[in-house]
Protein backbone atom coordinates (compact mmCIF):
# COMPACT_ATOMS: atom_id res chain seq x y z
CA GLU A 1 1.16 -60.32 14.05
CA CYS A 2 -1.31 -58.63 11.66
CA SER A 3 -3.32 -55.39 12.41
CA VAL A 4 -6.85 -55.70 13.45
CA ALA A 5 -9.40 -52.88 13.62
CA ILE A 6 -12.73 -53.27 15.44
CA ILE A 7 -15.74 -50.88 14.87
CA GLN A 8 -18.70 -51.47 17.11
CA ASN A 9 -22.23 -50.08 16.69
CA ALA A 10 -21.69 -48.84 13.07
CA VAL A 11 -24.91 -47.76 11.39
CA SER A 12 -26.41 -50.29 9.01
CA THR A 13 -29.39 -49.68 6.68
CA LYS A 14 -30.12 -53.45 6.67
CA TYR A 15 -29.63 -54.31 10.52
CA GLY A 16 -29.80 -50.96 12.25
CA ARG A 17 -26.36 -51.44 13.89
CA LYS A 18 -23.55 -53.80 13.17
CA ASP A 19 -19.97 -54.51 14.32
CA ILE A 20 -17.07 -54.63 11.82
CA VAL A 21 -13.77 -56.39 12.30
CA LYS A 22 -11.08 -55.58 9.72
CA ILE A 23 -7.97 -57.85 9.52
CA ASP A 24 -5.19 -56.63 7.23
CA GLU A 25 -4.08 -60.16 6.17
CA GLN A 26 -5.82 -63.23 4.97
CA ILE A 27 -6.04 -65.74 7.83
CA GLU A 28 -7.66 -69.07 8.33
CA LEU A 29 -11.17 -68.55 9.80
CA ASP A 30 -13.54 -71.36 11.08
CA PHE A 31 -16.75 -70.20 9.21
CA ASP A 32 -18.77 -72.95 11.04
CA ALA A 33 -17.74 -71.53 14.42
CA LEU A 34 -18.61 -67.99 13.16
CA GLY A 35 -22.00 -69.16 11.78
CA TYR A 36 -22.73 -70.78 15.15
CA ILE A 37 -21.86 -67.56 17.08
CA ASP A 38 -24.08 -65.50 14.70
CA PRO A 39 -25.78 -66.83 11.62
CA ASN A 40 -26.18 -63.27 10.29
CA ILE A 41 -22.41 -62.70 9.91
CA THR A 42 -21.21 -61.70 6.45
CA VAL A 43 -17.45 -62.18 5.62
CA ASN A 44 -16.10 -59.98 2.84
CA LEU A 45 -12.69 -60.68 1.20
CA VAL A 46 -11.24 -57.50 -0.12
CA LYS A 47 -7.94 -57.48 -2.09
CA ASP A 48 -6.34 -54.54 -3.51
CA GLY A 49 -9.29 -52.35 -2.48
CA LYS A 50 -11.88 -54.53 -4.32
CA LEU A 51 -14.42 -56.90 -3.06
CA LYS A 52 -13.30 -60.45 -4.26
CA LYS A 53 -15.75 -62.58 -2.33
CA LYS A 54 -18.72 -62.17 -0.06
CA GLU A 55 -19.76 -65.08 2.19
CA HIS A 56 -23.14 -65.06 4.02
CA LEU A 57 -22.97 -67.39 6.95
CA GLU A 58 -25.70 -69.43 8.47
CA LEU A 59 -26.15 -72.09 11.27
CA PRO A 60 -23.85 -75.00 10.07
CA GLN A 61 -25.37 -78.44 9.72
CA ILE A 62 -22.43 -80.07 11.32
CA LEU A 63 -20.05 -78.58 14.04
CA THR A 64 -16.69 -80.26 14.67
CA ASN A 65 -14.65 -79.29 17.70
CA VAL A 66 -16.67 -76.24 18.42
CA LEU A 67 -18.94 -77.55 21.19
CA THR A 68 -18.13 -80.06 23.92
CA CYS A 69 -20.48 -82.85 24.86
CA LYS A 70 -21.62 -82.68 28.44
CA ASN A 71 -22.41 -86.41 28.80
CA PRO A 72 -19.77 -87.96 31.03
CA ARG A 73 -20.22 -91.36 29.34
CA CYS A 74 -19.95 -90.13 25.82
CA ILE A 75 -16.97 -91.54 23.89
CA THR A 76 -15.72 -87.97 23.28
CA THR A 77 -15.39 -87.53 27.02
CA GLU A 78 -13.85 -90.89 27.71
CA GLU A 79 -11.48 -91.32 24.68
CA ARG A 80 -8.82 -88.79 23.79
CA GLY A 81 -8.54 -87.72 20.14
CA VAL A 82 -12.18 -88.23 19.20
CA ALA A 83 -13.60 -85.19 17.49
CA GLN A 84 -16.44 -83.42 19.14
CA ARG A 85 -19.14 -83.66 16.42
CA PHE A 86 -22.57 -82.15 16.68
CA TYR A 87 -25.42 -81.99 14.11
CA LEU A 88 -28.17 -79.29 13.88
CA ALA A 89 -31.25 -80.86 15.44
CA ASP A 90 -33.53 -77.84 15.43
CA LYS A 91 -32.80 -74.65 13.59
CA GLU A 92 -35.39 -72.54 15.34
CA LYS A 93 -34.09 -73.37 18.79
CA ARG A 94 -30.48 -73.44 17.60
CA ALA A 95 -30.17 -76.87 19.19
CA TYR A 96 -27.32 -79.26 18.34
CA ARG A 97 -27.04 -82.92 19.30
CA CYS A 98 -23.90 -84.96 19.78
CA ALA A 99 -23.28 -87.25 16.79
CA TYR A 100 -22.23 -90.06 19.13
CA CYS A 101 -24.62 -90.08 22.11
CA ASP A 102 -27.35 -87.74 20.83
CA VAL A 103 -27.23 -85.48 23.93
CA GLU A 104 -28.64 -82.01 23.11
CA HIS A 105 -26.53 -78.91 23.39
CA THR A 106 -28.44 -75.58 23.50
CA ASP A 107 -26.00 -73.23 25.19
CA HIS A 108 -25.58 -70.66 22.51
CA LYS A 109 -24.14 -67.12 22.56
């Protein structure tokens, strides 16, 4: 129900180009999911025209219910209600492994 503005390819002195998403209400955001999508994301909380908080995201150590295990015999595939949990196995490759069966997940972006 809130207004959202999207600016793409804005000039940035630090990154060259950046995208900006402005949401006019405070909403719940999954920072782990955002950090997984792009570890260079910065979230700014602005209230009454003043910067209240600046959050620099990075690849999360643990992801819960963001990825899905591809192992057909994993407990998360066979049992309903089991959280999909992955841990960061290799930061350089952006590789995550299932916390239950250790299968690697590297499909990012």
